[in-house]
Amino acid sequence: MAISAFRGSRLPLLHPPQLPAVRGVPSGLRKFNYRSKRFTLLAQYSQTQDLFSSRLQNSIENLPKLVEDIVQTSINTGPRGAIRLAQGIQAFVGVGSEWLTDVSKSRSSTSGLPTELQLGLLSPLYLRRLFERMGATYIKLGQFIASSPTLFPPEYVEEFQNCFDRTPAVPFGEIKRTLLEDLGRPIESVYEYVDPTPIASASVAQVHGARLRGSQDDVVIKVLKPGIEDVLVADLNFVYVVARILEFLNPELSRTSMVGIVKDIRESMLEEVDFKKEAANIESFRRYLEAMGLTRQATAPKVYQHCSTRRVLTMERLYGVPLTDLDSISSLVSSPENSLITALNVWFGSLLACETFHADVHAGNLWLLRDGRIGFLDFGIVGRISPKTWAAMDLFLASIATEEYESMASALIEMGATDKDIDAKAFARDLEKIFSSIQELDTELVVATARGTTTNTTAVSANIVVDERQMNALFLDLLRVSESYGLKFPREFALLLKQLLYFDRYTRLLAPNMNMLQDQRISIVSNRRNRYRDSFK
């Protein structure tokens, strides 16, 4: 009895319960489908379990290295980390109060909360405000975001274009203390006169006018603000630790090279506060001008090495006007267009002739001097370009000029890193749509400006503002389409394009009828390649 009862029963672990019959499906097939699905679920569960076990094993193996990194970084940071933490909390509370005020105002309206308010302090607007309150490191980080659309979402890139690097001036007494410490001798023995009122004050440095003793040369002194290095080290170490922890908790983030990006930011920022490196960049550019016989067309400020250190940079004072000051430029030269062509040829030539290129040619750093030459200022931000990237960039620029979109697609594919097979023809069609829409917008803008009743100056200014937004939109659309095909571009590509956008703006102002990429008077790369071929080796 017991045996027969046992044989007649079903063990639930070994035999699935019978399912109700499904009309139109044979019984054998129903059993097969059920068992197949159950096998699939068991296989998926097993794979998930294996993946979890593998990740857990990797995490356990990487944990000692993470702890070592955090401890070493904390030691390097020291007590300044606690000070920055307190300042960070204060900034967070300040911006948080602004957000709460804006939320209370929006709740009174019937339209509901805007998206930027829903995101809180993580929205582009409030994050940018927080960065500005946090000071030097985060302002520089914001500028890095603004110049790196290949790395960050477009909403943040656009918002951080407004991240202003303007901070209150440090008392002149503190500047004198730095000068005395670094020069190692009385200030009066080096400079006959130093203007206590700064010419400019940014987050990292402050600039004062002065006159050298003996030679009577007019100079500017760029002085690193006291304590800024401690702030940078503390902030960058904090950002590094956060990136390491995030990658440890979510290994998928390692594919985005988050820690690598943070290391690049750190290296870039620390280079910017080492004035010896900026002095070397200037000297390299000046040697290029001399070697190419361009010293009568362009210049960069002479560096006075005997009174320059890591924290103090003494340079020749140049007198001139920004390339956006059309009225002043017209009073200095008869042909603003020729001055622009000179600036373009000098800058393009430096891309291959110099180890680094000037990567911040906004109007404050590119002047027309009183003697008619082009002045390149502030070499704190420079870029380095590989031969492969520039060869692809050359093809890309040529294809823009000739509107050959398949060549443009090939150049971008060559430049971008991807492990996918890309449909070049489909990519070319998408690129054509982008550039066609921009050309249509250009036509509308010209007509609208011509019909305006404003003065010439106002019309030109309006055109520059619209052009900047338009070109940024073009750049971001180009990146969106490229990323949809799996392409990831090096940061140097973004730096180069940003400088081209600056030059495009100057072209529309100083030479509105000139095509920067097609004009035979401008040598981009092709005409120079033989001359600089040794630079590629």
Protein backbone atom coordinates (compact mmCIF):
# COMPACT_ATOMS: atom_id res chain seq x y z
CA MET A 1 0.00 0.00 0.00
CA ALA A 2 2.66 2.42 1.05
CA ILE A 3 4.73 1.59 -1.99
CA SER A 4 1.87 1.85 -4.45
CA ALA A 5 0.76 5.13 -2.90
CA PHE A 6 4.29 6.48 -3.22
CA ARG A 7 4.47 5.41 -6.86
CA GLY A 8 1.15 6.98 -7.66
CA SER A 9 1.98 10.38 -6.11
CA ARG A 10 3.93 13.24 -7.78
CA LEU A 11 6.83 14.99 -6.18
CA PRO A 12 6.29 18.71 -6.74
CA LEU A 13 10.01 19.37 -7.08
CA LEU A 14 10.45 16.91 -9.93
CA HIS A 15 7.13 17.09 -11.73
CA PRO A 16 5.46 20.30 -12.75
CA PRO A 17 1.73 20.57 -12.07
CA GLN A 18 -0.53 20.00 -15.06
CA LEU A 19 -1.62 23.14 -16.81
CA PRO A 20 -5.16 23.60 -18.10
CA ALA A 21 -5.54 22.53 -21.73
CA VAL A 22 -5.15 25.23 -24.32
CA ARG A 23 -7.51 24.83 -27.24
CA GLY A 24 -5.82 24.17 -30.56
CA VAL A 25 -2.36 23.29 -29.13
CA PRO A 26 -1.30 19.62 -28.96
CA SER A 27 -0.60 18.37 -25.45
CA GLY A 28 2.97 17.28 -26.27
CA LEU A 29 3.81 20.71 -27.68
CA ARG A 30 2.40 22.42 -24.60
CA LYS A 31 4.69 20.35 -22.38
CA PHE A 32 7.65 21.09 -24.60
CA ASN A 33 6.98 24.86 -24.53
CA TYR A 34 6.62 24.88 -20.78
CA ARG A 35 9.81 22.95 -20.21
CA SER A 36 11.67 25.12 -22.74
CA LYS A 37 10.59 28.31 -20.95
CA ARG A 38 11.50 26.87 -17.58
CA PHE A 39 14.92 25.86 -18.91
CA THR A 40 15.43 29.37 -20.30
CA LEU A 41 14.50 30.96 -16.96
CA LEU A 42 16.88 28.62 -15.12
CA ALA A 43 19.66 29.45 -17.61
CA GLN A 44 19.06 33.20 -17.23
CA TYR A 45 19.06 32.86 -13.45
CA SER A 46 22.31 30.92 -13.62
CA GLN A 47 23.90 33.56 -15.87
CA THR A 48 22.77 36.36 -13.53
CA GLN A 49 24.16 34.46 -10.57
CA ASP A 50 27.48 33.94 -12.37
CA LEU A 51 27.63 37.63 -13.31
CA PHE A 52 26.90 38.67 -9.74
CA SER A 53 29.53 36.27 -8.42
CA SER A 54 32.06 37.58 -10.93
CA ARG A 55 31.37 41.21 -10.02
CA LEU A 56 31.52 40.41 -6.32
CA GLN A 57 34.85 38.68 -6.81
CA ASN A 58 36.21 41.67 -8.78
CA SER A 59 34.94 44.07 -6.13
CA ILE A 60 36.64 42.09 -3.37
CA GLU A 61 39.88 42.07 -5.35
CA ASN A 62 39.67 45.84 -6.06
CA LEU A 63 38.65 46.86 -2.54
CA PRO A 64 42.19 47.04 -1.08
CA LYS A 65 43.31 49.28 -3.97
CA LEU A 66 40.28 51.56 -3.46
CA VAL A 67 40.94 51.84 0.29
CA GLU A 68 44.64 52.53 -0.39
CA ASP A 69 43.72 55.28 -2.89
CA ILE A 70 41.27 56.91 -0.47
CA VAL A 71 43.75 56.81 2.44
CA GLN A 72 46.63 58.16 0.34
CA THR A 73 44.45 60.91 -1.15
CA SER A 74 43.22 61.87 2.33
CA ILE A 75 46.80 62.10 3.59
CA ASN A 76 47.75 64.30 0.62
CA THR A 77 44.75 66.55 1.24
CA GLY A 78 45.34 67.02 4.97
CA PRO A 79 43.32 69.47 7.12
CA ARG A 80 42.49 71.69 4.12
CA GLY A 81 39.90 69.05 3.16
CA ALA A 82 37.83 69.86 6.26
CA ILE A 83 37.97 73.59 5.49
CA ARG A 84 36.75 73.02 1.94
CA LEU A 85 33.99 70.76 3.22
CA ALA A 86 32.68 73.57 5.43
CA GLN A 87 32.86 76.01 2.49
CA GLY A 88 31.07 73.49 0.31
CA ILE A 89 28.22 73.11 2.80
CA GLN A 90 27.87 76.89 2.96
CA ALA A 91 27.68 77.12 -0.85
CA PHE A 92 25.19 74.24 -0.98
CA VAL A 93 22.93 75.94 1.55
CA GLY A 94 23.12 79.24 -0.35
CA VAL A 95 22.12 77.76 -3.71
CA GLY A 96 19.57 75.53 -1.99
CA SER A 97 17.91 78.65 -0.58
CA GLU A 98 17.76 80.15 -4.07
CA TRP A 99 16.12 76.96 -5.36
CA LEU A 100 13.52 76.94 -2.56
CA THR A 101 12.67 80.58 -3.27
CA ASP A 102 12.18 79.81 -6.97
CA VAL A 103 10.05 76.75 -6.13
CA SER A 104 7.77 78.79 -3.88
CA LYS A 105 7.30 81.34 -6.68
CA SER A 106 6.50 78.65 -9.25
CA ARG A 107 3.93 76.92 -7.03
CA SER A 108 1.78 80.03 -7.15
CA SER A 109 1.48 79.66 -10.94
CA THR A 110 -0.89 77.22 -12.66
CA SER A 111 1.70 75.85 -15.10
CA GLY A 112 3.41 73.68 -12.47
CA LEU A 113 7.09 73.27 -11.68
CA PRO A 114 9.53 73.68 -14.61
CA THR A 115 11.85 70.75 -15.28
CA GLU A 116 14.92 72.60 -13.99
CA LEU A 117 13.21 73.09 -10.62
CA GLN A 118 12.16 69.44 -10.47
CA LEU A 119 15.79 68.37 -10.84
CA GLY A 120 16.79 70.55 -7.88
CA LEU A 121 20.47 71.34 -7.47
CA LEU A 122 21.34 68.75 -10.13
CA SER A 123 19.72 70.87 -12.85
CA PRO A 124 22.22 72.65 -15.15
CA LEU A 125 21.22 76.13 -13.88
CA TYR A 126 21.58 75.49 -10.14
CA LEU A 127 24.62 73.25 -10.55
CA ARG A 128 26.33 76.08 -12.45
CA ARG A 129 25.44 78.52 -9.64
CA LEU A 130 26.80 76.06 -7.07
CA PHE A 131 30.06 75.73 -9.01
CA GLU A 132 30.47 79.52 -9.12
CA ARG A 133 29.95 79.76 -5.36
CA MET A 134 32.46 76.96 -4.74
CA GLY A 135 35.21 79.03 -6.36
CA ALA A 136 38.32 78.39 -8.45
CA THR A 137 38.31 74.61 -8.92
CA TYR A 138 34.65 74.32 -9.73
CA ILE A 139 34.66 77.37 -12.00
CA LYS A 140 37.48 75.75 -13.95
CA LEU A 141 35.57 72.46 -13.88
CA GLY A 142 32.53 74.30 -15.23
CA GLN A 143 34.62 75.75 -18.05
CA PHE A 144 35.94 72.25 -18.75
CA ILE A 145 32.34 71.02 -19.06
CA ALA A 146 31.50 73.93 -21.38
CA SER A 147 34.43 73.06 -23.65
CA SER A 148 33.86 69.27 -23.62
CA PRO A 149 30.59 68.48 -25.38
CA THR A 150 32.08 65.11 -26.33
CA LEU A 151 31.95 64.14 -22.65
CA PHE A 152 28.92 65.86 -21.09
CA PRO A 153 25.17 66.19 -21.87
CA PRO A 154 24.29 69.14 -24.14
CA GLU A 155 22.06 70.85 -21.54
CA TYR A 156 25.03 71.12 -19.17
CA VAL A 157 27.44 72.19 -21.92
CA GLU A 158 25.09 75.03 -22.92
CA GLU A 159 24.46 76.21 -19.35
CA PHE A 160 28.13 76.15 -18.35
CA GLN A 161 28.93 78.47 -21.24
CA ASN A 162 27.72 81.08 -18.72
CA CYS A 163 30.15 80.02 -15.98
CA PHE A 164 31.93 83.31 -15.34
CA ASP A 165 35.49 83.38 -14.04
CA ARG A 166 35.27 86.70 -12.19
CA THR A 167 36.12 86.88 -8.52
CA PRO A 168 36.90 89.72 -6.08
CA ALA A 169 40.47 90.97 -6.11
CA VAL A 170 42.89 89.83 -3.42
CA PRO A 171 44.28 92.73 -1.29
CA PHE A 172 47.48 94.09 -2.78
CA GLY A 173 49.34 93.36 0.47
CA GLU A 174 48.89 89.61 -0.12
CA ILE A 175 50.07 89.97 -3.71
CA LYS A 176 53.21 91.78 -2.51
CA ARG A 177 53.87 88.99 -0.04
CA THR A 178 53.80 86.40 -2.84
CA LEU A 179 56.11 88.55 -4.98
CA LEU A 180 58.58 88.93 -2.14
CA GLU A 181 58.56 85.19 -1.32
CA ASP A 182 59.01 84.04 -4.92
CA LEU A 183 61.46 86.67 -6.16
CA GLY A 184 63.61 86.34 -3.08
CA ARG A 185 64.59 90.01 -3.05
CA PRO A 186 62.94 93.39 -2.45
CA ILE A 187 60.19 94.17 -4.93
CA GLU A 188 61.67 97.66 -5.49
CA SER A 189 64.89 96.09 -6.79
CA VAL A 190 62.97 94.39 -9.62
CA TYR A 191 60.09 96.72 -10.42
CA GLU A 192 60.27 100.48 -10.44
CA TYR A 193 56.52 100.62 -10.01
CA VAL A 194 53.64 98.16 -9.47
CA ASP A 195 50.05 99.35 -9.83
CA PRO A 196 48.15 98.25 -6.70
CA THR A 197 44.86 98.20 -8.66
CA PRO A 198 44.63 94.95 -10.67
CA ILE A 199 43.98 94.98 -14.40
CA ALA A 200 42.01 91.75 -14.02
CA SER A 201 41.09 89.29 -11.28
CA ALA A 202 40.04 85.71 -12.02
CA SER A 203 39.54 82.70 -9.77
CA VAL A 204 43.15 81.48 -10.00
CA ALA A 205 45.29 84.56 -10.67
CA GLN A 206 45.41 88.34 -10.55
CA VAL A 207 47.13 90.66 -13.05
CA HIS A 208 48.83 93.97 -12.21
CA GLY A 209 50.53 96.52 -14.42
CA ALA A 210 54.14 97.41 -13.62
CA ARG A 211 57.39 98.90 -14.94
CA LEU A 212 60.74 97.13 -14.75
CA ARG A 213 63.65 98.82 -13.02
CA GLY A 214 66.53 99.52 -15.35
CA SER A 215 65.01 98.79 -18.76
CA GLN A 216 61.87 100.83 -18.02
CA ASP A 217 59.82 98.24 -19.94
CA ASP A 218 56.08 98.21 -19.33
CA VAL A 219 55.07 94.78 -18.08
CA VAL A 220 52.17 92.88 -16.56
CA ILE A 221 52.61 90.63 -13.56
CA LYS A 222 50.37 87.58 -13.31
CA VAL A 223 50.32 86.40 -9.70
CA LEU A 224 48.79 83.20 -8.38
CA LYS A 225 46.28 83.97 -5.66
CA PRO A 226 47.44 82.92 -2.18
CA GLY A 227 46.16 79.51 -1.03
CA ILE A 228 44.68 78.62 -4.41
CA GLU A 229 46.89 75.54 -4.80
CA ASP A 230 45.62 74.12 -1.50
CA VAL A 231 42.04 74.66 -2.64
CA LEU A 232 42.71 73.00 -5.99
CA VAL A 233 44.41 69.98 -4.43
CA ALA A 234 41.65 69.49 -1.85
CA ASP A 235 38.85 69.85 -4.40
CA LEU A 236 40.44 67.69 -7.07
CA ASN A 237 41.27 64.98 -4.55
CA PHE A 238 37.64 64.99 -3.41
CA VAL A 239 36.38 64.71 -7.00
CA TYR A 240 38.85 61.86 -7.62
CA VAL A 241 37.71 59.91 -4.54
CA VAL A 242 34.04 60.32 -5.53
CA ALA A 243 34.81 59.05 -9.04
CA ARG A 244 36.72 56.04 -7.66
CA ILE A 245 33.88 55.13 -5.30
CA LEU A 246 31.25 55.47 -8.04
CA GLU A 247 33.23 53.22 -10.37
CA PHE A 248 33.69 50.71 -7.56
CA LEU A 249 29.95 50.63 -6.78
CA ASN A 250 28.96 50.54 -10.45
CA PRO A 251 31.66 48.92 -12.64
CA GLU A 252 29.67 49.85 -15.77
CA LEU A 253 30.81 53.46 -15.21
CA SER A 254 34.38 52.38 -15.94
CA ARG A 255 33.38 52.20 -19.60
CA THR A 256 32.88 55.97 -19.52
CA SER A 257 36.46 56.39 -18.23
CA MET A 258 35.20 58.57 -15.37
CA VAL A 259 38.40 58.28 -13.35
CA GLY A 260 40.44 58.91 -16.50
CA ILE A 261 38.45 62.09 -17.21
CA VAL A 262 38.98 63.29 -13.63
CA LYS A 263 42.73 62.66 -13.99
CA ASP A 264 42.76 64.70 -17.22
CA ILE A 265 40.92 67.55 -15.48
CA ARG A 266 43.36 67.42 -12.59
CA GLU A 267 46.39 67.51 -14.89
CA SER A 268 44.92 70.36 -16.94
CA MET A 269 44.08 72.50 -13.89
CA LEU A 270 47.39 71.96 -12.13
CA GLU A 271 49.22 72.89 -15.34
CA GLU A 272 47.25 76.12 -15.47
CA VAL A 273 48.50 77.19 -12.03
CA ASP A 274 52.13 76.39 -12.84
CA PHE A 275 53.29 79.57 -14.56
CA LYS A 276 56.58 77.97 -15.58
CA LYS A 277 54.59 75.79 -17.97
CA GLU A 278 52.69 78.80 -19.31
CA ALA A 279 56.00 80.59 -19.84
CA ALA A 280 57.27 77.56 -21.79
CA ASN A 281 54.13 77.61 -23.95
CA ILE A 282 54.66 81.31 -24.74
CA GLU A 283 58.34 80.81 -25.60
CA SER A 284 57.46 77.90 -27.89
CA PHE A 285 54.96 80.07 -29.76
CA ARG A 286 57.44 82.96 -30.06
CA ARG A 287 60.09 80.57 -31.48
CA TYR A 288 57.54 79.41 -34.05
CA LEU A 289 56.90 83.02 -35.11
CA GLU A 290 60.62 83.68 -35.47
CA ALA A 291 61.29 80.46 -37.38
CA MET A 292 58.47 81.18 -39.85
CA GLY A 293 59.34 84.86 -40.28
CA LEU A 294 56.03 85.98 -38.80
CA THR A 295 57.24 88.40 -36.14
CA ARG A 296 56.10 91.41 -38.19
CA GLN A 297 52.60 89.97 -38.48
CA ALA A 298 51.98 88.57 -34.99
CA THR A 299 53.48 88.30 -31.52
CA ALA A 300 53.05 86.94 -28.03
CA PRO A 301 54.28 88.73 -24.90
CA LYS A 302 57.96 88.37 -24.07
CA VAL A 303 58.56 86.53 -20.80
CA TYR A 304 61.05 88.09 -18.36
CA GLN A 305 62.60 84.95 -16.91
CA HIS A 306 64.64 86.73 -14.20
CA CYS A 307 61.42 87.79 -12.46
CA SER A 308 59.17 84.83 -13.26
CA THR A 309 58.59 81.77 -11.09
CA ARG A 310 56.01 79.05 -10.65
CA ARG A 311 53.61 81.55 -9.00
CA VAL A 312 54.72 84.79 -10.68
CA LEU A 313 54.79 85.46 -14.42
CA THR A 314 56.21 88.76 -15.64
CA MET A 315 55.45 89.53 -19.30
CA GLU A 316 55.76 92.33 -21.80
CA ARG A 317 52.69 94.56 -21.75
CA LEU A 318 50.91 94.65 -25.10
CA TYR A 319 48.55 97.46 -26.04
CA GLY A 320 45.66 96.83 -28.39
CA VAL A 321 41.96 96.01 -28.78
CA PRO A 322 40.00 92.74 -28.96
CA LEU A 323 39.09 91.41 -32.41
CA THR A 324 35.43 92.17 -31.69
CA ASP A 325 35.98 95.95 -31.35
CA LEU A 326 35.17 96.83 -34.95
CA ASP A 327 35.28 100.63 -34.53
CA SER A 328 38.74 100.61 -32.89
CA ILE A 329 40.09 98.08 -35.38
CA SER A 330 38.97 100.26 -38.30
CA SER A 331 40.86 103.19 -36.81
CA LEU A 332 44.06 101.12 -36.50
CA VAL A 333 44.18 99.36 -39.88
CA SER A 334 42.73 100.00 -43.32
CA SER A 335 41.67 96.38 -43.85
CA PRO A 336 40.27 94.46 -40.85
CA GLU A 337 39.85 91.50 -43.20
CA ASN A 338 43.62 91.26 -43.80
CA SER A 339 44.24 91.34 -40.03
CA LEU A 340 41.82 88.46 -39.59
CA ILE A 341 43.52 86.46 -42.36
CA THR A 342 46.85 86.99 -40.58
CA ALA A 343 45.39 85.73 -37.28
CA LEU A 344 43.94 82.65 -38.99
CA ASN A 345 47.15 81.75 -40.82
CA VAL A 346 49.30 82.20 -37.73
CA TRP A 347 47.01 80.10 -35.55
CA PHE A 348 46.53 77.32 -38.13
CA GLY A 349 50.27 77.18 -38.69
CA SER A 350 50.94 76.76 -34.97
CA LEU A 351 48.82 73.61 -34.87
CA LEU A 352 51.54 71.62 -36.57
CA ALA A 353 54.63 73.71 -35.84
CA CYS A 354 54.24 73.85 -32.04
CA GLU A 355 54.00 71.09 -29.47
CA THR A 356 50.83 72.76 -28.13
CA PHE A 357 48.29 75.12 -29.63
CA HIS A 358 46.48 78.11 -28.11
CA ALA A 359 43.14 76.61 -27.03
CA ASP A 360 41.35 79.73 -25.78
CA VAL A 361 41.28 82.33 -28.57
CA HIS A 362 38.28 84.28 -27.30
CA ALA A 363 38.28 88.04 -27.87
CA GLY A 364 40.06 88.76 -24.58
CA ASN A 365 43.06 86.69 -25.70
CA LEU A 366 43.28 87.71 -29.36
CA TRP A 367 44.00 91.38 -30.01
CA LEU A 368 44.87 93.75 -32.81
CA LEU A 369 47.81 95.72 -31.44
CA ARG A 370 48.47 99.42 -31.96
CA ASP A 371 51.30 98.63 -34.39
CA GLY A 372 48.93 96.52 -36.56
CA ARG A 373 50.19 93.10 -35.47
CA ILE A 374 48.02 90.33 -34.03
CA GLY A 375 48.66 89.69 -30.35
CA PHE A 376 48.11 86.23 -28.83
CA LEU A 377 47.68 86.45 -25.04
CA ASP A 378 47.24 84.03 -22.13
CA PHE A 379 48.70 80.61 -22.89
CA GLY A 380 47.37 79.01 -19.70
CA ILE A 381 44.96 76.79 -21.67
CA VAL A 382 46.62 74.88 -24.49
CA GLY A 383 45.77 71.77 -26.47
CA ARG A 384 47.82 68.92 -27.85
CA ILE A 385 46.78 67.29 -31.10
CA SER A 386 47.90 63.97 -32.49
CA PRO A 387 48.84 63.67 -36.18
CA LYS A 388 45.98 61.19 -36.72
CA THR A 389 43.37 63.57 -35.28
CA TRP A 390 44.64 66.54 -37.25
CA ALA A 391 44.74 64.55 -40.52
CA ALA A 392 41.08 63.64 -39.97
CA MET A 393 40.32 67.23 -38.95
CA ASP A 394 41.90 68.49 -42.17
CA LEU A 395 39.61 66.26 -44.22
CA PHE A 396 36.63 67.27 -42.09
CA LEU A 397 37.24 71.01 -42.67
CA ALA A 398 37.80 70.51 -46.38
CA SER A 399 34.56 68.56 -46.68
CA ILE A 400 32.65 71.34 -44.89
CA ALA A 401 33.95 73.85 -47.42
CA THR A 402 33.03 71.67 -50.40
CA GLU A 403 29.86 70.23 -48.86
CA GLU A 404 31.05 66.66 -49.48
CA TYR A 405 29.19 64.88 -46.72
CA GLU A 406 30.49 61.37 -47.41
CA SER A 407 34.04 62.67 -46.94
CA MET A 408 32.91 64.43 -43.79
CA ALA A 409 31.43 61.18 -42.49
CA SER A 410 34.65 59.31 -43.29
CA ALA A 411 36.72 61.92 -41.44
CA LEU A 412 34.53 61.74 -38.33
CA ILE A 413 34.56 57.93 -38.39
CA GLU A 414 38.35 57.99 -38.63
CA MET A 415 38.60 60.40 -35.71
CA GLY A 416 36.02 58.76 -33.42
CA ALA A 417 36.59 55.69 -31.28
CA THR A 418 34.03 52.94 -31.85
CA ASP A 419 33.71 49.18 -31.95
CA LYS A 420 30.67 49.25 -34.25
CA ASP A 421 30.30 48.91 -38.00
CA ILE A 422 28.99 52.25 -39.21
CA ASP A 423 26.79 52.87 -42.22
CA ALA A 424 28.82 55.74 -43.68
CA LYS A 425 26.21 56.67 -46.29
CA ALA A 426 23.40 56.92 -43.74
CA PHE A 427 25.73 58.93 -41.48
CA ALA A 428 26.51 61.27 -44.41
CA ARG A 429 22.80 61.82 -45.06
CA ASP A 430 22.23 62.77 -41.43
CA LEU A 431 25.17 65.19 -41.54
CA GLU A 432 23.76 66.81 -44.68
CA LYS A 433 20.46 67.43 -42.89
CA ILE A 434 22.27 69.22 -40.04
CA PHE A 435 24.34 71.50 -42.26
CA SER A 436 21.46 72.22 -44.62
CA SER A 437 19.31 73.44 -41.72
CA ILE A 438 22.12 75.71 -40.53
CA GLN A 439 22.55 77.21 -44.01
CA GLU A 440 18.81 77.96 -44.18
CA LEU A 441 19.05 79.67 -40.79
CA ASP A 442 22.02 81.74 -42.01
CA THR A 443 19.94 83.10 -44.89
CA GLU A 444 17.11 84.09 -42.60
CA LEU A 445 19.50 85.88 -40.27
CA VAL A 446 21.08 87.94 -43.05
CA VAL A 447 17.67 89.05 -44.33
CA ALA A 448 16.48 89.95 -40.84
CA THR A 449 19.59 92.00 -40.15
CA ALA A 450 19.39 93.86 -43.44
CA ARG A 451 15.81 94.93 -42.79
CA GLY A 452 16.52 96.17 -39.28
CA THR A 453 16.32 99.82 -38.31
CA THR A 454 19.06 99.70 -35.67
CA THR A 455 22.51 101.22 -36.00
CA ASN A 456 25.33 99.27 -37.61
CA THR A 457 26.99 98.54 -34.26
CA THR A 458 23.80 97.16 -32.74
CA ALA A 459 23.11 95.04 -35.81
CA VAL A 460 26.60 93.54 -35.76
CA SER A 461 26.42 92.78 -32.04
CA ALA A 462 23.07 91.04 -32.44
CA ASN A 463 24.47 88.97 -35.29
CA ILE A 464 27.41 87.81 -33.13
CA VAL A 465 25.13 86.65 -30.30
CA VAL A 466 22.83 84.73 -32.62
CA ASP A 467 25.82 83.24 -34.41
CA GLU A 468 27.31 81.90 -31.18
CA ARG A 469 24.09 80.15 -30.25
CA GLN A 470 23.68 78.89 -33.78
CA MET A 471 27.21 77.46 -33.98
CA ASN A 472 26.93 75.86 -30.55
CA ALA A 473 23.68 74.26 -31.72
CA LEU A 474 25.46 72.98 -34.84
CA PHE A 475 28.28 71.53 -32.75
CA LEU A 476 25.92 69.78 -30.32
CA ASP A 477 23.75 68.42 -33.15
CA LEU A 478 26.88 67.09 -34.83
CA LEU A 479 27.89 65.32 -31.63
CA ARG A 480 24.40 63.90 -31.03
CA VAL A 481 24.23 62.41 -34.51
CA SER A 482 27.79 61.06 -34.26
CA GLU A 483 27.12 59.47 -30.87
CA SER A 484 23.98 57.82 -32.25
CA TYR A 485 26.36 55.91 -34.54
CA GLY A 486 28.54 54.94 -31.57
CA LEU A 487 31.32 57.48 -32.17
CA LYS A 488 33.25 59.03 -29.27
CA PHE A 489 35.62 61.86 -30.13
CA PRO A 490 38.82 62.87 -28.30
CA ARG A 491 38.61 66.09 -26.27
CA GLU A 492 41.13 67.76 -28.58
CA PHE A 493 38.48 67.60 -31.33
CA ALA A 494 36.13 69.67 -29.16
CA LEU A 495 38.91 72.14 -28.33
CA LEU A 496 39.74 72.62 -32.00
CA LEU A 497 36.13 73.10 -33.03
CA LYS A 498 35.60 75.62 -30.25
CA GLN A 499 38.46 77.75 -31.55
CA LEU A 500 37.03 77.51 -35.06
CA LEU A 501 33.73 78.81 -33.72
CA TYR A 502 35.57 81.83 -32.28
CA PHE A 503 37.23 82.47 -35.63
CA ASP A 504 33.93 82.03 -37.45
CA ARG A 505 32.52 84.75 -35.21
CA TYR A 506 35.40 87.11 -36.04
CA THR A 507 34.95 86.35 -39.73
CA ARG A 508 31.29 87.37 -39.66
CA LEU A 509 32.24 90.61 -37.96
CA LEU A 510 35.44 91.63 -39.78
CA ALA A 511 35.01 89.91 -43.17
CA PRO A 512 31.35 88.96 -43.63
CA ASN A 513 31.83 88.08 -47.34
CA MET A 514 34.78 85.74 -46.74
CA ASN A 515 34.50 81.95 -46.51
CA MET A 516 37.05 81.00 -43.87
CA LEU A 517 37.47 77.43 -45.14
CA GLN A 518 37.51 78.15 -48.88
CA ASP A 519 39.46 81.39 -49.15
CA GLN A 520 42.76 80.76 -50.96
CA ARG A 521 44.54 83.34 -48.80
CA ILE A 522 44.09 81.12 -45.75
CA SER A 523 46.37 78.08 -45.39
CA ILE A 524 44.66 75.61 -43.09
CA VAL A 525 46.82 72.49 -43.32
CA SER A 526 47.11 71.01 -46.78
CA ASN A 527 49.47 73.76 -48.02
CA ARG A 528 51.66 73.44 -44.91
CA ARG A 529 51.89 69.69 -44.56
CA ASN A 530 55.13 69.28 -46.47
CA ARG A 531 56.73 72.09 -44.47
CA TYR A 532 55.81 70.52 -41.15
CA ARG A 533 56.08 66.87 -42.07
CA ASP A 534 58.96 66.40 -39.63
CA SER A 535 56.62 67.36 -36.79
CA PHE A 536 54.68 64.14 -37.37
CA LYS A 537 57.72 61.92 -36.84
